[in-house]
Structures are given as structure tokens and as C-alpha cells.
Amino acid sequence: MKRDALVFYSPVDDPEAWREALSAELPDLDFRVDPDVGDPATVDYALVWVPPSGFFQRFPNLKLVTNLGAGVDRLVRRDDLVPVPISRLSDPGMVAMMTSYVVFAVTRYARDIHIFERAQRRGEWHYVHPRPLSEIKVGVLGLGELGGPAAKTLADMGFDTYGWSRTQKTIPRVTCTAGAQAFEEILRTCEILVCLLPLTPDSRGMIGARELALMPKGAKLVNASRAAVIDEAALIAALRSGVVGEATLDVFDIEPLPAGHPFWTLDNVLITPHLASITVPKLAARDVAESIRRVRRGEPPLHAVDAQRGY
């Protein structure tokens, strides 16, 4: 009797950790790690992160593709993937990690830690009187699986929190808005802006020189979504001119960020190597296994992606 087979591909995730976690959930699953896939025609499922161009051409009988993360821009609108259900991961571990990253980045600016870091490098005792968190307006762009919990946590901490999304959302203690006019208003309003938007045709380049200029002079920007949402050249210019005062960046047009890139030389940029939210196999395997069980029964997977919308 044929066992269902899954192919695993990721340049950053540990395949053995995933093999162990999925075997505990689905002992009958034949777990194969690319490029040792056996007969590609016998592969039923794919568990992948940033698969290269042409990757899926080998697998004509896929029933499900699961993305090892929340952002699925590298899976939609591909010419090597036949129409097949796509699911993304949304486990509690990912949500907690993203929320912790956002809380860190926002609090670092709200409590003036970036100023104290520079003062320490100069060997100076530099006092800045703390401001009440309720006076600090923080905006979160994107209120989905990751952005919604992050915005709620910031509001629960006492920040004056605003959120914007493609469709109207409701989150306790968060002023939620939607639409083009509201987007410009949140840019004008918030001194700390967190970008957690998915990358879609509509969001690509959504924040350019014009949008950055709408922000309060010296505003702080945190991007933990996709680099292409923000025009990189425009952001560099805004950081150099002081239009944007500070930035915490976890995502970049080219990764790893090349030596000699302008971001490395900007004292007002904190760089982290695309780790704001990572997948914990022991937690996420439950969702992956449940999606496979659902597809076996002819049902949609968990966290199904709308390929037309791109998320």
C-alpha cells in the first residue's frame, strides 16, 4: 500500500526537526528532503520555504503546498505550480515571536533606548525623561494573523495604538481603520509605525518617498513583513535626511544584506537578520498534520491562502 509522501525544502529550517515533529503527528507519512525525493510523481504534499524557480515542475501530483511561514508571496502567481491548495503556518509560537519582536522594537524607541545606546558608545551619562506610554502613538499596518495580536499587545501595554488593514477589523483598545484615506491618516498620526503587511501586487512599493514624507518628522519605522512593501531607495534617503528618524529592519531586498550596503553605515538603523518570527516545528507540526488530514478527507486545509489576493 502506497504511503503518502511529503517533500521538504528550506534553506534555513532544520529538516530533521521537522521529520521528528511530523512523524509524531503522522507516523504513516513518507517524509522526503529535497533533493532526495525518490519518484517525484509519488509526492503528495510539499512543505517549503522560498523554493527556487522551477521547483514544483517535478511534482505533477501535489495535493497541498504548505508554506513554512506566514508570508506566501514566493508561492503565489508562479508558473511552475499547478492549481493546488496552499496553506500558510499560523501557530502560537510564530505569533508569540512576532509579538515579542514588535514589543521590543517599539519599546526600544518609546523608552529612548536607542539614545542611551549611542550615549554609552560615547561614554556619556545622558538622561532623557521617560514619557507615559499613553502619549505615544503607535501604528500597525496589517492586522492579520501576526499584526492583530501585535497591535492588541501594544494596546494592552498602554500605547495609544492605531491599526490599518485592507478590510476593517475590530481589536479591543486599538483604533482600527481601512481604506486609502485612512492609510495616509495613520502615516500622519503615528510617531512609531510598524509594517506587518503581506506582500501583494497592491502592497508592493506601497510606502515610497511620498508616504514617508507624510510621517511626523523624525518618526520611527519598524519593518518585519516584506522589504518590497517599502521603497528601499526612498527609505535610505529619508533616513539620511531625517524625514525618518530611526528604523528597525528585519527584511531586505537582498538577503543576506550585502557588505557595503548603505543600511550598514546608517547609525539610525538597527538590522536584524530576518528572524522576527520563525517556525517552531514541535508547535507548527500540529497545523501541518491537520491540513494534510483535511485534504485527505477532501476538505480545505487550515489557513488556506487566497491566491488572487496573495495572502
C-alpha atoms as a PDB file:
ATOM      1  CA  MET A   1       0.000   0.000   0.000  1.00  0.00           C
ATOM      2  CA  LYS A   2       1.404   3.413  -1.008  1.00  0.00           C
ATOM      3  CA  ARG A   3       2.236   5.805   1.805  1.00  0.00           C
ATOM      4  CA  ASP A   4       1.504   9.478   1.307  1.00  0.00           C
ATOM      5  CA  ALA A   5       4.764  11.329   0.650  1.00  0.00           C
ATOM      6  CA  LEU A   6       5.818  14.861   1.563  1.00  0.00           C
ATOM      7  CA  VAL A   7       8.783  16.773   0.139  1.00  0.00           C
ATOM      8  CA  PHE A   8      10.566  19.258   2.402  1.00  0.00           C
ATOM      9  CA  TYR A   9      12.595  22.225   1.167  1.00  0.00           C
ATOM     10  CA  SER A  10      14.035  25.137   3.128  1.00  0.00           C
ATOM     11  CA  PRO A  11      17.420  26.858   3.049  1.00  0.00           C
ATOM     12  CA  VAL A  12      17.121  27.813   6.741  1.00  0.00           C
ATOM     13  CA  ASP A  13      14.923  25.277   8.566  1.00  0.00           C
ATOM     14  CA  ASP A  14      16.132  22.001  10.104  1.00  0.00           C
ATOM     15  CA  PRO A  15      14.633  19.083   8.144  1.00  0.00           C
ATOM     16  CA  GLU A  16      15.355  16.554  10.897  1.00  0.00           C
ATOM     17  CA  ALA A  17      13.460  18.610  13.459  1.00  0.00           C
ATOM     18  CA  TRP A  18      10.513  18.697  11.065  1.00  0.00           C
ATOM     19  CA  ARG A  19      10.812  14.982  10.318  1.00  0.00           C
ATOM     20  CA  GLU A  20      10.638  14.186  14.038  1.00  0.00           C
ATOM     21  CA  ALA A  21       7.759  16.573  14.728  1.00  0.00           C
ATOM     22  CA  LEU A  22       5.649  15.406  11.784  1.00  0.00           C
ATOM     23  CA  SER A  23       6.355  11.721  12.457  1.00  0.00           C
ATOM     24  CA  ALA A  24       4.817  12.167  15.889  1.00  0.00           C
ATOM     25  CA  GLU A  25       1.643  13.547  14.293  1.00  0.00           C
ATOM     26  CA  LEU A  26       1.503  11.387  11.136  1.00  0.00           C
ATOM     27  CA  PRO A  27       3.503   8.166  11.596  1.00  0.00           C
ATOM     28  CA  ASP A  28       2.402   6.939   8.152  1.00  0.00           C
ATOM     29  CA  LEU A  29       3.844   9.965   6.294  1.00  0.00           C
ATOM     30  CA  ASP A  30       6.822   9.361   3.999  1.00  0.00           C
ATOM     31  CA  PHE A  31       8.997  12.420   4.728  1.00  0.00           C
ATOM     32  CA  ARG A  32      11.478  13.224   1.940  1.00  0.00           C
ATOM     33  CA  VAL A  33      14.052  16.023   1.935  1.00  0.00           C
ATOM     34  CA  ASP A  34      14.892  17.700  -1.354  1.00  0.00           C
ATOM     35  CA  PRO A  35      16.834  16.748  -3.468  1.00  0.00           C
ATOM     36  CA  ASP A  36      16.397  13.118  -2.328  1.00  0.00           C
ATOM     37  CA  VAL A  37      12.746  12.925  -3.371  1.00  0.00           C
ATOM     38  CA  GLY A  38      12.589   9.492  -4.986  1.00  0.00           C
ATOM     39  CA  ASP A  39       9.945   9.333  -7.697  1.00  0.00           C
ATOM     40  CA  PRO A  40       8.582  12.918  -7.899  1.00  0.00           C
ATOM     41  CA  ALA A  41       5.276  11.641  -9.264  1.00  0.00           C
ATOM     42  CA  THR A  42       4.588   9.932  -5.923  1.00  0.00           C
ATOM     43  CA  VAL A  43       4.902  13.124  -3.864  1.00  0.00           C
ATOM     44  CA  ASP A  44       1.546  14.296  -2.485  1.00  0.00           C
ATOM     45  CA  TYR A  45       2.469  17.266  -0.278  1.00  0.00           C
ATOM     46  CA  ALA A  46       5.159  19.955  -0.139  1.00  0.00           C
ATOM     47  CA  LEU A  47       6.380  21.772   2.966  1.00  0.00           C
ATOM     48  CA  VAL A  48       8.590  24.608   1.749  1.00  0.00           C
ATOM     49  CA  TRP A  49      10.209  27.969   2.347  1.00  0.00           C
ATOM     50  CA  VAL A  50      11.298  30.174  -0.589  1.00  0.00           C
ATOM     51  CA  PRO A  51      11.501  27.314  -3.120  1.00  0.00           C
ATOM     52  CA  PRO A  52      13.572  28.283  -6.175  1.00  0.00           C
ATOM     53  CA  SER A  53      12.115  28.932  -9.595  1.00  0.00           C
ATOM     54  CA  GLY A  54      11.024  25.711 -11.297  1.00  0.00           C
ATOM     55  CA  PHE A  55      10.975  23.733  -8.041  1.00  0.00           C
ATOM     56  CA  PHE A  56       7.411  22.448  -8.443  1.00  0.00           C
ATOM     57  CA  GLN A  57       7.715  21.339 -12.068  1.00  0.00           C
ATOM     58  CA  ARG A  58       8.952  17.949 -10.872  1.00  0.00           C
ATOM     59  CA  PHE A  59       5.820  17.228  -8.819  1.00  0.00           C
ATOM     60  CA  PRO A  60       2.753  16.739 -11.048  1.00  0.00           C
ATOM     61  CA  ASN A  61       0.507  15.162  -8.387  1.00  0.00           C
ATOM     62  CA  LEU A  62       0.687  17.574  -5.479  1.00  0.00           C
ATOM     63  CA  LYS A  63      -2.450  17.879  -3.371  1.00  0.00           C
ATOM     64  CA  LEU A  64      -1.241  20.545  -0.937  1.00  0.00           C
ATOM     65  CA  VAL A  65       1.592  23.042  -0.543  1.00  0.00           C
ATOM     66  CA  THR A  66       2.292  24.381   2.948  1.00  0.00           C
ATOM     67  CA  ASN A  67       4.459  27.437   3.426  1.00  0.00           C
ATOM     68  CA  LEU A  68       6.964  27.423   6.290  1.00  0.00           C
ATOM     69  CA  GLY A  69       5.906  30.864   7.441  1.00  0.00           C
ATOM     70  CA  ALA A  70       3.172  33.461   7.193  1.00  0.00           C
ATOM     71  CA  GLY A  71       4.290  35.332   4.051  1.00  0.00           C
ATOM     72  CA  VAL A  72       3.325  33.450   0.896  1.00  0.00           C
ATOM     73  CA  ASP A  73       4.467  35.904  -1.795  1.00  0.00           C
ATOM     74  CA  ARG A  74       7.013  33.349  -3.044  1.00  0.00           C
ATOM     75  CA  LEU A  75       4.247  30.795  -3.690  1.00  0.00           C
ATOM     76  CA  VAL A  76       1.503  32.714  -5.463  1.00  0.00           C
ATOM     77  CA  ARG A  77       1.496  33.571  -9.170  1.00  0.00           C
ATOM     78  CA  ARG A  78       4.187  31.012 -10.038  1.00  0.00           C
ATOM     79  CA  ASP A  79       4.338  29.379 -13.451  1.00  0.00           C
ATOM     80  CA  ASP A  80       5.731  26.077 -12.149  1.00  0.00           C
ATOM     81  CA  LEU A  81       2.894  25.253  -9.719  1.00  0.00           C
ATOM     82  CA  VAL A  82      -0.382  23.770 -10.910  1.00  0.00           C
ATOM     83  CA  PRO A  83      -3.548  24.978  -9.120  1.00  0.00           C
ATOM     84  CA  VAL A  84      -3.365  23.329  -5.717  1.00  0.00           C
ATOM     85  CA  PRO A  85      -4.445  24.362  -2.207  1.00  0.00           C
ATOM     86  CA  ILE A  86      -1.822  26.482  -0.451  1.00  0.00           C
ATOM     87  CA  SER A  87      -1.747  26.881   3.307  1.00  0.00           C
ATOM     88  CA  ARG A  88       0.468  29.000   5.499  1.00  0.00           C
ATOM     89  CA  LEU A  89       1.590  28.417   9.048  1.00  0.00           C
ATOM     90  CA  SER A  90      -0.013  30.342  11.854  1.00  0.00           C
ATOM     91  CA  ASP A  91       0.942  28.588  15.047  1.00  0.00           C
ATOM     92  CA  PRO A  92       1.062  30.171  18.521  1.00  0.00           C
ATOM     93  CA  GLY A  93       4.859  30.070  18.515  1.00  0.00           C
ATOM     94  CA  MET A  94       5.096  32.260  15.405  1.00  0.00           C
ATOM     95  CA  VAL A  95       2.576  34.729  16.788  1.00  0.00           C
ATOM     96  CA  ALA A  96       4.396  34.955  20.121  1.00  0.00           C
ATOM     97  CA  MET A  97       7.764  35.502  18.457  1.00  0.00           C
ATOM     98  CA  MET A  98       6.497  38.250  16.153  1.00  0.00           C
ATOM     99  CA  THR A  99       4.701  39.943  19.017  1.00  0.00           C
ATOM    100  CA  SER A 100       7.861  39.860  21.135  1.00  0.00           C
ATOM    101  CA  TYR A 101       9.865  41.383  18.270  1.00  0.00           C
ATOM    102  CA  VAL A 102       7.359  44.194  17.756  1.00  0.00           C
ATOM    103  CA  VAL A 103       7.168  44.886  21.504  1.00  0.00           C
ATOM    104  CA  PHE A 104      10.973  45.026  21.660  1.00  0.00           C
ATOM    105  CA  ALA A 105      11.323  47.356  18.677  1.00  0.00           C
ATOM    106  CA  VAL A 106       8.530  49.719  19.739  1.00  0.00           C
ATOM    107  CA  THR A 107       9.601  49.807  23.395  1.00  0.00           C
ATOM    108  CA  ARG A 108      13.208  50.477  22.401  1.00  0.00           C
ATOM    109  CA  TYR A 109      12.072  53.694  20.748  1.00  0.00           C
ATOM    110  CA  ALA A 110       9.366  54.576  23.263  1.00  0.00           C
ATOM    111  CA  ARG A 111      11.833  54.346  26.175  1.00  0.00           C
ATOM    112  CA  ASP A 112      14.633  56.113  24.243  1.00  0.00           C
ATOM    113  CA  ILE A 113      16.943  53.104  24.436  1.00  0.00           C
ATOM    114  CA  HIS A 114      18.442  53.961  21.039  1.00  0.00           C
ATOM    115  CA  ILE A 115      19.557  57.305  22.505  1.00  0.00           C
ATOM    116  CA  PHE A 116      21.139  55.625  25.524  1.00  0.00           C
ATOM    117  CA  GLU A 117      22.941  53.123  23.266  1.00  0.00           C
ATOM    118  CA  ARG A 118      24.643  55.981  21.444  1.00  0.00           C
ATOM    119  CA  ALA A 119      25.420  57.772  24.684  1.00  0.00           C
ATOM    120  CA  GLN A 120      27.074  54.632  26.049  1.00  0.00           C
ATOM    121  CA  ARG A 121      29.273  54.364  22.954  1.00  0.00           C
ATOM    122  CA  ARG A 122      30.380  57.966  23.625  1.00  0.00           C
ATOM    123  CA  GLY A 123      30.923  57.220  27.310  1.00  0.00           C
ATOM    124  CA  GLU A 124      28.265  59.749  28.337  1.00  0.00           C
ATOM    125  CA  TRP A 125      25.585  59.690  31.050  1.00  0.00           C
ATOM    126  CA  HIS A 126      22.659  61.124  29.086  1.00  0.00           C
ATOM    127  CA  TYR A 127      19.287  61.450  30.843  1.00  0.00           C
ATOM    128  CA  VAL A 128      16.033  61.640  28.885  1.00  0.00           C
ATOM    129  CA  HIS A 129      12.891  61.896  30.993  1.00  0.00           C
ATOM    130  CA  PRO A 130      10.530  58.976  30.171  1.00  0.00           C
ATOM    131  CA  ARG A 131       7.163  59.718  28.575  1.00  0.00           C
ATOM    132  CA  PRO A 132       3.938  57.952  29.533  1.00  0.00           C
ATOM    133  CA  LEU A 133       3.206  55.193  27.031  1.00  0.00           C
ATOM    134  CA  SER A 134      -0.318  56.559  26.612  1.00  0.00           C
ATOM    135  CA  GLU A 135       1.166  59.657  24.945  1.00  0.00           C
ATOM    136  CA  ILE A 136       2.994  57.637  22.300  1.00  0.00           C
ATOM    137  CA  LYS A 137       1.004  56.950  19.147  1.00  0.00           C
ATOM    138  CA  VAL A 138       1.945  53.635  17.534  1.00  0.00           C
ATOM    139  CA  GLY A 139       0.529  52.420  14.223  1.00  0.00           C
ATOM    140  CA  VAL A 140       0.448  48.843  12.965  1.00  0.00           C
ATOM    141  CA  LEU A 141      -0.030  48.324   9.227  1.00  0.00           C
ATOM    142  CA  GLY A 142      -1.561  44.899   8.632  1.00  0.00           C
ATOM    143  CA  LEU A 143      -3.887  43.378  11.210  1.00  0.00           C
ATOM    144  CA  GLY A 144      -3.797  39.740  10.137  1.00  0.00           C
ATOM    145  CA  GLU A 145      -2.599  36.625  11.950  1.00  0.00           C
ATOM    146  CA  LEU A 146       0.568  38.369  13.167  1.00  0.00           C
ATOM    147  CA  GLY A 147      -0.310  42.058  13.080  1.00  0.00           C
ATOM    148  CA  GLY A 148      -3.561  41.743  15.003  1.00  0.00           C
ATOM    149  CA  PRO A 149      -2.023  40.142  18.109  1.00  0.00           C
ATOM    150  CA  ALA A 150       0.919  42.564  17.990  1.00  0.00           C
ATOM    151  CA  ALA A 151      -1.415  45.571  17.902  1.00  0.00           C
ATOM    152  CA  LYS A 152      -3.517  44.183  20.749  1.00  0.00           C
ATOM    153  CA  THR A 153      -0.440  43.597  22.897  1.00  0.00           C
ATOM    154  CA  LEU A 154       0.805  47.141  22.321  1.00  0.00           C
ATOM    155  CA  ALA A 155      -2.613  48.490  23.286  1.00  0.00           C
ATOM    156  CA  ASP A 156      -2.697  46.309  26.384  1.00  0.00           C
ATOM    157  CA  MET A 157       0.697  47.742  27.370  1.00  0.00           C
ATOM    158  CA  GLY A 158      -0.831  51.212  27.296  1.00  0.00           C
ATOM    159  CA  PHE A 159       0.355  52.614  23.969  1.00  0.00           C
ATOM    160  CA  ASP A 160      -2.072  54.809  22.020  1.00  0.00           C
ATOM    161  CA  THR A 161      -2.436  52.174  19.303  1.00  0.00           C
ATOM    162  CA  TYR A 162      -3.773  52.528  15.761  1.00  0.00           C
ATOM    163  CA  GLY A 163      -4.175  49.788  13.179  1.00  0.00           C
ATOM    164  CA  TRP A 164      -4.742  49.759   9.424  1.00  0.00           C
ATOM    165  CA  SER A 165      -5.714  46.857   7.201  1.00  0.00           C
ATOM    166  CA  ARG A 166      -7.168  46.197   3.764  1.00  0.00           C
ATOM    167  CA  THR A 167     -10.538  45.365   5.321  1.00  0.00           C
ATOM    168  CA  GLN A 168     -11.992  46.779   8.505  1.00  0.00           C
ATOM    169  CA  LYS A 169     -11.016  44.938  11.690  1.00  0.00           C
ATOM    170  CA  THR A 170     -12.060  45.271  15.325  1.00  0.00           C
ATOM    171  CA  ILE A 171      -9.471  44.883  18.090  1.00  0.00           C
ATOM    172  CA  PRO A 172     -10.074  45.969  21.690  1.00  0.00           C
ATOM    173  CA  ARG A 173      -8.396  49.298  22.547  1.00  0.00           C
ATOM    174  CA  VAL A 174      -6.983  49.637  19.011  1.00  0.00           C
ATOM    175  CA  THR A 175      -8.288  52.367  16.701  1.00  0.00           C
ATOM    176  CA  CYS A 176      -8.763  50.272  13.553  1.00  0.00           C
ATOM    177  CA  THR A 177      -9.193  51.800  10.099  1.00  0.00           C
ATOM    178  CA  ALA A 178      -9.193  50.744   6.449  1.00  0.00           C
ATOM    179  CA  GLY A 179      -9.008  52.392   3.042  1.00  0.00           C
ATOM    180  CA  ALA A 180      -6.696  54.801   1.211  1.00  0.00           C
ATOM    181  CA  GLN A 181      -7.610  57.940   3.140  1.00  0.00           C
ATOM    182  CA  ALA A 182      -7.215  56.161   6.469  1.00  0.00           C
ATOM    183  CA  PHE A 183      -3.824  54.839   5.352  1.00  0.00           C
ATOM    184  CA  GLU A 184      -2.499  58.351   4.847  1.00  0.00           C
ATOM    185  CA  GLU A 185      -4.006  59.433   8.156  1.00  0.00           C
ATOM    186  CA  ILE A 186      -2.231  56.714  10.139  1.00  0.00           C
ATOM    187  CA  LEU A 187       1.049  57.740   8.499  1.00  0.00           C
ATOM    188  CA  ARG A 188       0.486  61.352   9.594  1.00  0.00           C
ATOM    189  CA  THR A 189      -0.623  60.389  13.096  1.00  0.00           C
ATOM    190  CA  CYS A 190       1.865  57.850  14.434  1.00  0.00           C
ATOM    191  CA  GLU A 191       5.387  58.564  15.642  1.00  0.00           C
ATOM    192  CA  ILE A 192       6.209  54.839  15.598  1.00  0.00           C
ATOM    193  CA  LEU A 193       4.991  52.809  12.626  1.00  0.00           C
ATOM    194  CA  VAL A 194       5.146  49.005  12.411  1.00  0.00           C
ATOM    195  CA  CYS A 195       4.784  47.383   8.979  1.00  0.00           C
ATOM    196  CA  LEU A 196       3.335  43.854   9.014  1.00  0.00           C
ATOM    197  CA  LEU A 197       1.609  43.965   5.626  1.00  0.00           C
ATOM    198  CA  PRO A 198       1.699  40.910   3.364  1.00  0.00           C
ATOM    199  CA  LEU A 199       3.453  41.410   0.026  1.00  0.00           C
ATOM    200  CA  THR A 200       0.849  41.524  -2.743  1.00  0.00           C
ATOM    201  CA  PRO A 201       0.649  43.383  -6.078  1.00  0.00           C
ATOM    202  CA  ASP A 202      -1.235  46.136  -4.238  1.00  0.00           C
ATOM    203  CA  SER A 203       1.223  46.435  -1.350  1.00  0.00           C
ATOM    204  CA  ARG A 204       4.454  46.249  -3.366  1.00  0.00           C
ATOM    205  CA  GLY A 205       6.082  49.685  -3.104  1.00  0.00           C
ATOM    206  CA  MET A 206       3.108  50.915  -1.075  1.00  0.00           C
ATOM    207  CA  ILE A 207       5.368  53.069   1.103  1.00  0.00           C
ATOM    208  CA  GLY A 208       7.555  55.311  -1.029  1.00  0.00           C
ATOM    209  CA  ALA A 209       9.046  58.785  -0.769  1.00  0.00           C
ATOM    210  CA  ARG A 210       5.619  60.456  -0.742  1.00  0.00           C
ATOM    211  CA  GLU A 211       4.275  58.231   2.035  1.00  0.00           C
ATOM    212  CA  LEU A 212       7.420  58.532   4.150  1.00  0.00           C
ATOM    213  CA  ALA A 213       7.180  62.324   3.869  1.00  0.00           C
ATOM    214  CA  LEU A 214       3.687  62.186   5.364  1.00  0.00           C
ATOM    215  CA  MET A 215       5.024  60.772   8.630  1.00  0.00           C
ATOM    216  CA  PRO A 216       5.882  63.134  11.501  1.00  0.00           C
ATOM    217  CA  LYS A 217       9.450  64.373  11.005  1.00  0.00           C
ATOM    218  CA  GLY A 218      11.811  62.031  12.820  1.00  0.00           C
ATOM    219  CA  ALA A 219       9.274  59.207  13.098  1.00  0.00           C
ATOM    220  CA  LYS A 220      10.416  55.665  13.767  1.00  0.00           C
ATOM    221  CA  LEU A 221       9.731  52.793  11.368  1.00  0.00           C
ATOM    222  CA  VAL A 222       9.751  49.045  12.056  1.00  0.00           C
ATOM    223  CA  ASN A 223       9.522  46.628   9.115  1.00  0.00           C
ATOM    224  CA  ALA A 224       9.132  42.926   9.914  1.00  0.00           C
ATOM    225  CA  SER A 225       6.945  41.974   6.937  1.00  0.00           C
ATOM    226  CA  ARG A 226       8.483  42.101   3.450  1.00  0.00           C
ATOM    227  CA  ALA A 227      11.137  44.516   2.238  1.00  0.00           C
ATOM    228  CA  ALA A 228       9.398  45.248  -1.068  1.00  0.00           C
ATOM    229  CA  VAL A 229       6.443  46.881   0.703  1.00  0.00           C
ATOM    230  CA  ILE A 230       8.755  49.850   1.320  1.00  0.00           C
ATOM    231  CA  ASP A 231      10.780  51.509  -1.444  1.00  0.00           C
ATOM    232  CA  GLU A 232      14.318  50.843  -0.240  1.00  0.00           C
ATOM    233  CA  ALA A 233      15.980  53.777  -2.018  1.00  0.00           C
ATOM    234  CA  ALA A 234      13.317  56.158  -0.692  1.00  0.00           C
ATOM    235  CA  LEU A 235      13.779  54.835   2.840  1.00  0.00           C
ATOM    236  CA  ILE A 236      17.553  55.289   2.686  1.00  0.00           C
ATOM    237  CA  ALA A 237      17.093  58.875   1.516  1.00  0.00           C
ATOM    238  CA  ALA A 238      14.524  59.550   4.261  1.00  0.00           C
ATOM    239  CA  LEU A 239      16.829  58.121   6.942  1.00  0.00           C
ATOM    240  CA  ARG A 240      19.744  60.228   5.714  1.00  0.00           C
ATOM    241  CA  SER A 241      17.694  63.421   5.622  1.00  0.00           C
ATOM    242  CA  GLY A 242      15.957  62.898   8.970  1.00  0.00           C
ATOM    243  CA  VAL A 243      12.491  62.645   7.435  1.00  0.00           C
ATOM    244  CA  VAL A 244      12.515  59.209   9.101  1.00  0.00           C
ATOM    245  CA  GLY A 245      14.437  59.410  12.341  1.00  0.00           C
ATOM    246  CA  GLU A 246      15.071  55.718  13.069  1.00  0.00           C
ATOM    247  CA  ALA A 247      14.331  52.312  11.570  1.00  0.00           C
ATOM    248  CA  THR A 248      14.401  48.730  12.797  1.00  0.00           C
ATOM    249  CA  LEU A 249      14.581  46.439   9.773  1.00  0.00           C
ATOM    250  CA  ASP A 250      14.276  42.659   9.708  1.00  0.00           C
ATOM    251  CA  VAL A 251      13.714  42.248   5.943  1.00  0.00           C
ATOM    252  CA  PHE A 252      15.683  43.446   2.915  1.00  0.00           C
ATOM    253  CA  ASP A 253      15.508  43.451  -0.871  1.00  0.00           C
ATOM    254  CA  ILE A 254      18.608  41.220  -0.973  1.00  0.00           C
ATOM    255  CA  GLU A 255      19.255  38.743   1.835  1.00  0.00           C
ATOM    256  CA  PRO A 256      21.739  38.337   3.380  1.00  0.00           C
ATOM    257  CA  LEU A 257      22.225  42.090   3.288  1.00  0.00           C
ATOM    258  CA  PRO A 258      25.342  42.631   1.123  1.00  0.00           C
ATOM    259  CA  ALA A 259      28.553  44.092   2.510  1.00  0.00           C
ATOM    260  CA  GLY A 260      28.777  47.755   1.672  1.00  0.00           C
ATOM    261  CA  HIS A 261      25.003  48.283   1.612  1.00  0.00           C
ATOM    262  CA  PRO A 262      24.024  51.782   2.829  1.00  0.00           C
ATOM    263  CA  PHE A 263      21.975  50.356   5.709  1.00  0.00           C
ATOM    264  CA  TRP A 264      25.189  49.096   7.339  1.00  0.00           C
ATOM    265  CA  THR A 265      26.566  52.629   7.566  1.00  0.00           C
ATOM    266  CA  LEU A 266      23.455  54.357   8.940  1.00  0.00           C
ATOM    267  CA  ASP A 267      23.697  54.926  12.688  1.00  0.00           C
ATOM    268  CA  ASN A 268      19.913  55.297  12.921  1.00  0.00           C
ATOM    269  CA  VAL A 269      19.169  51.781  11.600  1.00  0.00           C
ATOM    270  CA  LEU A 270      19.006  48.582  13.642  1.00  0.00           C
ATOM    271  CA  ILE A 271      19.447  45.499  11.432  1.00  0.00           C
ATOM    272  CA  THR A 272      18.233  42.022  12.361  1.00  0.00           C
ATOM    273  CA  PRO A 273      18.708  39.029  10.024  1.00  0.00           C
ATOM    274  CA  HIS A 274      15.107  38.100   9.106  1.00  0.00           C
ATOM    275  CA  LEU A 275      14.240  36.369  12.367  1.00  0.00           C
ATOM    276  CA  ALA A 276      11.338  38.376  13.778  1.00  0.00           C
ATOM    277  CA  SER A 277       9.092  35.321  13.598  1.00  0.00           C
ATOM    278  CA  ILE A 278      10.334  31.808  12.971  1.00  0.00           C
ATOM    279  CA  THR A 279       8.584  28.469  12.932  1.00  0.00           C
ATOM    280  CA  VAL A 280       8.920  26.081  15.871  1.00  0.00           C
ATOM    281  CA  PRO A 281       8.446  22.569  14.413  1.00  0.00           C
ATOM    282  CA  LYS A 282       7.025  20.947  17.568  1.00  0.00           C
ATOM    283  CA  LEU A 283       4.259  23.553  17.704  1.00  0.00           C
ATOM    284  CA  ALA A 284       3.649  24.104  13.985  1.00  0.00           C
ATOM    285  CA  ALA A 285       3.622  20.392  13.054  1.00  0.00           C
ATOM    286  CA  ARG A 286       0.138  20.082  14.526  1.00  0.00           C
ATOM    287  CA  ASP A 287      -1.258  22.522  11.970  1.00  0.00           C
ATOM    288  CA  VAL A 288       0.669  20.938   9.094  1.00  0.00           C
ATOM    289  CA  ALA A 289      -0.625  17.491  10.028  1.00  0.00           C
ATOM    290  CA  GLU A 290      -4.186  18.731  10.435  1.00  0.00           C
ATOM    291  CA  SER A 291      -4.083  20.339   6.973  1.00  0.00           C
ATOM    292  CA  ILE A 292      -2.927  17.040   5.490  1.00  0.00           C
ATOM    293  CA  ARG A 293      -5.715  15.165   7.280  1.00  0.00           C
ATOM    294  CA  ARG A 294      -8.263  17.658   5.957  1.00  0.00           C
ATOM    295  CA  VAL A 295      -7.001  17.365   2.388  1.00  0.00           C
ATOM    296  CA  ARG A 296      -7.163  13.586   2.679  1.00  0.00           C
ATOM    297  CA  ARG A 297     -10.848  13.968   3.578  1.00  0.00           C
ATOM    298  CA  GLY A 298     -11.446  16.310   0.657  1.00  0.00           C
ATOM    299  CA  GLU A 299     -11.657  19.421   2.857  1.00  0.00           C
ATOM    300  CA  PRO A 300      -9.773  22.742   2.610  1.00  0.00           C
ATOM    301  CA  PRO A 301      -6.558  22.971   4.662  1.00  0.00           C
ATOM    302  CA  LEU A 302      -6.061  25.166   7.684  1.00  0.00           C
ATOM    303  CA  HIS A 303      -5.050  28.781   6.996  1.00  0.00           C
ATOM    304  CA  ALA A 304      -5.811  28.459   3.291  1.00  0.00           C
ATOM    305  CA  VAL A 305      -4.338  31.152   1.042  1.00  0.00           C
ATOM    306  CA  ASP A 306      -6.393  33.112  -1.470  1.00  0.00           C
ATOM    307  CA  ALA A 307      -4.008  33.073  -4.433  1.00  0.00           C
ATOM    308  CA  GLN A 308      -5.798  36.015  -6.068  1.00  0.00           C
ATOM    309  CA  ARG A 309      -5.364  38.260  -3.023  1.00  0.00           C
ATOM    310  CA  GLY A 310      -1.897  36.905  -2.290  1.00  0.00           C
ATOM    311  CA  TYR A 311      -2.493  36.048   1.367  1.00  0.00           C
END
